[in-house]
Amino acid sequence: MCNDYEQHVAWGEYCRAMASLALKMPAHQTELDLPQADDVRINDPAPIMRADGDTVELASMTFGFPPSGPKGGPVFNFRSEGRQFGNSRRCLIPASAFFEFTGTKYPRAKHRFTLHGAPFMAIAGLWREGAGNKPPTFTMLTTQPGPDVAPIHSRQIVVLRPEDWAAWLNLTKPEAELLRPLPAGSLSVEMVRPERT
């Protein structure tokens, strides 16, 4: 599943998208709150979007919920089907692309997915406060693969259309209506290179 994504969202594009959706931004936020990264992997810090009163703020969090047990790993993908998220802390993860890998031997093929016709995407997620002095964390929601992802992977992260961003943050639509794969042709894919460490 998706454990690697790209964050090349330009500040100007982000501001234009927020304005076009009539989503208010906190006055104190700047491009420093949207740092760029070629690869955001598990345990990396990255910006997420969350509701804060009548605004949508960017907040830096760590990718992956802490393990639930001593032998578990971080929870970076969270299955959405059949679940209700009314009492959850919902967020959006801004991304210019996400990556999936194929093959069983190293180096595996790395496939880059982008949202067709859009400068960036927002992935449906959840966030939690950190325990003690640890930073807050986030995870991505997953669903059945849509037609664009199915040839590459058996699951996919939930990419939300911009018109559904506020609906997810405020849960003004049913989860089943929001947390589903996009129709065919919504995502563009290219093989970028073999995987590297």
Protein backbone atom coordinates (compact mmCIF):
# COMPACT_ATOMS: atom_id res chain seq x y z
CA MET A 1 0.00 0.00 0.00
CA CYS A 2 0.92 3.63 -0.21
CA ASN A 3 3.85 4.31 2.10
CA ASP A 4 5.46 6.97 -0.07
CA TYR A 5 4.09 10.15 -1.60
CA GLU A 6 5.36 13.37 -3.15
CA GLN A 7 4.71 16.83 -1.71
CA HIS A 8 5.50 19.41 -4.40
CA VAL A 9 2.35 21.47 -3.85
CA ALA A 10 3.21 25.09 -4.66
CA TRP A 11 2.03 27.66 -2.13
CA GLY A 12 0.38 29.77 -4.84
CA GLU A 13 -1.54 26.77 -6.18
CA TYR A 14 -2.62 25.84 -2.67
CA CYS A 15 -3.89 29.37 -1.97
CA ARG A 16 -5.77 29.48 -5.29
CA ALA A 17 -7.42 26.11 -4.58
CA MET A 18 -8.50 27.20 -1.11
CA ALA A 19 -9.91 30.48 -2.43
CA SER A 20 -11.81 28.75 -5.24
CA LEU A 21 -13.43 26.45 -2.67
CA ALA A 22 -14.17 29.35 -0.28
CA LEU A 23 -12.10 27.64 2.42
CA LYS A 24 -10.61 30.17 4.84
CA MET A 25 -6.95 29.94 5.78
CA PRO A 26 -5.44 31.20 9.05
CA ALA A 27 -3.79 34.58 8.52
CA HIS A 28 -0.52 33.38 10.06
CA GLN A 29 0.06 30.56 7.54
CA THR A 30 2.79 30.94 4.92
CA GLU A 31 4.62 28.81 2.38
CA LEU A 32 6.84 27.63 5.26
CA ASP A 33 3.84 25.58 6.46
CA LEU A 34 3.84 23.64 3.16
CA PRO A 35 7.39 22.27 2.86
CA GLN A 36 8.30 20.39 -0.30
CA ALA A 37 9.54 16.80 -0.39
CA ASP A 38 10.33 14.37 -3.21
CA ASP A 39 9.33 11.45 -0.98
CA VAL A 40 7.34 11.48 2.25
CA ARG A 41 7.72 8.09 3.90
CA ILE A 42 6.58 6.49 7.16
CA ASN A 43 7.81 8.44 10.23
CA ASP A 44 8.58 11.56 8.15
CA PRO A 45 7.07 14.90 9.17
CA ALA A 46 4.67 16.41 6.63
CA PRO A 47 1.85 18.97 6.46
CA ILE A 48 -1.78 17.98 6.79
CA MET A 49 -4.92 20.11 6.46
CA ARG A 50 -7.39 20.10 9.34
CA ALA A 51 -10.42 22.09 10.44
CA ASP A 52 -9.69 24.75 13.05
CA GLY A 53 -12.84 26.69 13.85
CA ASP A 54 -13.99 28.30 10.61
CA THR A 55 -10.58 27.89 8.94
CA VAL A 56 -8.58 25.04 7.42
CA GLU A 57 -5.06 25.11 8.81
CA LEU A 58 -1.87 23.37 7.79
CA ALA A 59 -0.21 21.48 10.64
CA SER A 60 3.01 19.46 10.62
CA MET A 61 2.58 15.85 11.79
CA THR A 62 4.41 12.53 11.55
CA PHE A 63 3.28 10.05 8.88
CA GLY A 64 1.98 6.89 10.59
CA PHE A 65 0.13 6.22 13.84
CA PRO A 66 2.33 4.56 16.48
CA PRO A 67 2.19 0.74 16.67
CA SER A 68 -0.74 -0.60 18.68
CA GLY A 69 1.38 -3.35 20.23
CA PRO A 70 5.03 -4.17 20.95
CA LYS A 71 5.47 -6.19 17.75
CA GLY A 72 3.43 -4.01 15.40
CA GLY A 73 4.62 -1.38 12.98
CA PRO A 74 3.31 2.13 12.36
CA VAL A 75 -0.23 2.34 10.97
CA PHE A 76 0.22 4.34 7.79
CA ASN A 77 -2.87 3.04 5.93
CA PHE A 78 -6.29 2.61 7.57
CA ARG A 79 -9.12 0.62 5.93
CA SER A 80 -12.23 2.80 5.48
CA GLU A 81 -14.93 0.37 4.39
CA GLY A 82 -17.77 -0.17 6.84
CA ARG A 83 -16.46 2.36 9.32
CA GLN A 84 -17.90 5.60 10.64
CA PHE A 85 -15.66 8.56 11.33
CA GLY A 86 -17.97 11.06 13.02
CA ASN A 87 -15.95 10.90 16.26
CA SER A 88 -12.57 10.80 14.51
CA ARG A 89 -10.13 13.62 13.86
CA ARG A 90 -10.32 13.93 10.10
CA CYS A 91 -7.71 15.58 7.89
CA LEU A 92 -6.59 16.02 4.31
CA ILE A 93 -3.08 15.21 3.16
CA PRO A 94 -1.94 17.53 0.35
CA ALA A 95 0.16 15.71 -2.23
CA SER A 96 1.35 16.28 -5.77
CA ALA A 97 1.51 12.49 -6.33
CA PHE A 98 1.48 9.13 -4.56
CA PHE A 99 3.56 6.08 -5.36
CA GLU A 100 2.83 2.37 -5.62
CA PHE A 101 5.36 -0.38 -6.27
CA THR A 102 5.21 -3.62 -8.26
CA GLY A 103 7.51 -6.60 -8.40
CA THR A 104 8.84 -9.02 -5.83
CA LYS A 105 12.56 -8.48 -6.29
CA TYR A 106 14.57 -5.34 -5.61
CA PRO A 107 14.57 -2.93 -7.30
CA ARG A 108 10.78 -2.90 -7.69
CA ALA A 109 9.05 -0.68 -10.25
CA LYS A 110 7.86 2.65 -8.86
CA HIS A 111 4.58 4.04 -10.27
CA ARG A 112 3.65 7.72 -9.81
CA PHE A 113 -0.06 8.62 -9.66
CA THR A 114 -1.34 12.18 -10.12
CA LEU A 115 -4.84 13.65 -10.20
CA HIS A 116 -5.69 14.25 -13.85
CA GLY A 117 -6.26 17.92 -14.68
CA ALA A 118 -5.33 19.20 -11.20
CA PRO A 119 -2.09 20.66 -9.82
CA PHE A 120 -2.36 18.55 -6.68
CA MET A 121 -4.62 16.20 -4.73
CA ALA A 122 -5.85 15.75 -1.18
CA ILE A 123 -5.87 12.31 0.41
CA ALA A 124 -8.46 11.51 3.10
CA GLY A 125 -6.79 10.92 6.44
CA LEU A 126 -7.08 10.78 10.20
CA TRP A 127 -4.86 12.42 12.80
CA ARG A 128 -4.09 11.88 16.48
CA GLU A 129 -2.42 13.90 19.19
CA GLY A 130 1.01 12.65 20.18
CA ALA A 131 1.52 10.92 23.52
CA GLY A 132 3.75 12.71 26.01
CA ASN A 133 6.19 14.94 24.15
CA LYS A 134 5.78 13.12 20.84
CA PRO A 135 4.37 15.01 17.84
CA PRO A 136 0.88 14.38 16.46
CA THR A 137 0.56 11.71 13.75
CA PHE A 138 -1.58 11.00 10.70
CA THR A 139 -2.61 8.05 8.56
CA MET A 140 -4.17 7.65 5.11
CA LEU A 141 -7.55 6.02 4.51
CA THR A 142 -7.78 3.22 1.96
CA THR A 143 -10.53 1.64 -0.12
CA GLN A 144 -11.01 -0.88 -2.91
CA PRO A 145 -8.90 -0.04 -5.96
CA GLY A 146 -10.48 2.02 -8.70
CA PRO A 147 -9.92 1.21 -12.38
CA ASP A 148 -6.80 3.41 -12.57
CA VAL A 149 -5.06 1.67 -9.65
CA ALA A 150 -6.36 -1.92 -9.93
CA PRO A 151 -3.78 -3.00 -12.57
CA ILE A 152 -1.01 -2.01 -10.13
CA HIS A 153 -2.35 -2.70 -6.62
CA SER A 154 -5.16 -4.51 -4.79
CA ARG A 155 -5.97 -1.49 -2.56
CA GLN A 156 -5.71 2.26 -2.93
CA ILE A 157 -5.68 5.39 -0.83
CA VAL A 158 -8.77 7.62 -0.91
CA VAL A 159 -8.18 10.65 -3.14
CA LEU A 160 -10.89 13.27 -2.67
CA ARG A 161 -12.11 15.65 -5.35
CA PRO A 162 -11.64 19.31 -4.26
CA GLU A 163 -15.41 19.79 -3.98
CA ASP A 164 -15.41 17.07 -1.28
CA TRP A 165 -12.59 18.46 0.87
CA ALA A 166 -14.84 20.43 3.22
CA ALA A 167 -17.38 17.58 3.25
CA TRP A 168 -14.72 15.23 4.63
CA LEU A 169 -13.33 17.68 7.17
CA ASN A 170 -16.82 18.52 8.46
CA LEU A 171 -18.41 15.16 7.55
CA THR A 172 -21.40 16.73 5.81
CA LYS A 173 -21.78 13.73 3.46
CA PRO A 174 -21.98 10.01 4.31
CA GLU A 175 -18.62 8.25 4.59
CA ALA A 176 -19.58 5.74 1.89
CA GLU A 177 -20.19 8.58 -0.55
CA LEU A 178 -16.81 10.18 0.11
CA LEU A 179 -14.44 7.28 0.79
CA ARG A 180 -14.54 5.47 -2.54
CA PRO A 181 -12.29 5.22 -5.58
CA LEU A 182 -12.51 7.82 -8.32
CA PRO A 183 -13.90 6.91 -11.76
CA ALA A 184 -11.68 5.64 -14.58
CA GLY A 185 -9.42 8.30 -16.04
CA SER A 186 -9.27 10.39 -12.84
CA LEU A 187 -5.70 9.38 -12.02
CA SER A 188 -2.75 9.47 -14.40
CA VAL A 189 0.08 6.99 -13.86
CA GLU A 190 3.65 6.75 -15.08
CA MET A 191 6.54 4.52 -14.13
CA VAL A 192 9.19 6.87 -12.81
CA ARG A 193 12.12 4.54 -12.09
CA PRO A 194 13.07 1.39 -10.25
CA GLU A 195 12.81 1.69 -6.49
CA ARG A 196 15.84 2.96 -4.60
CA THR A 197 16.60 2.98 -0.91
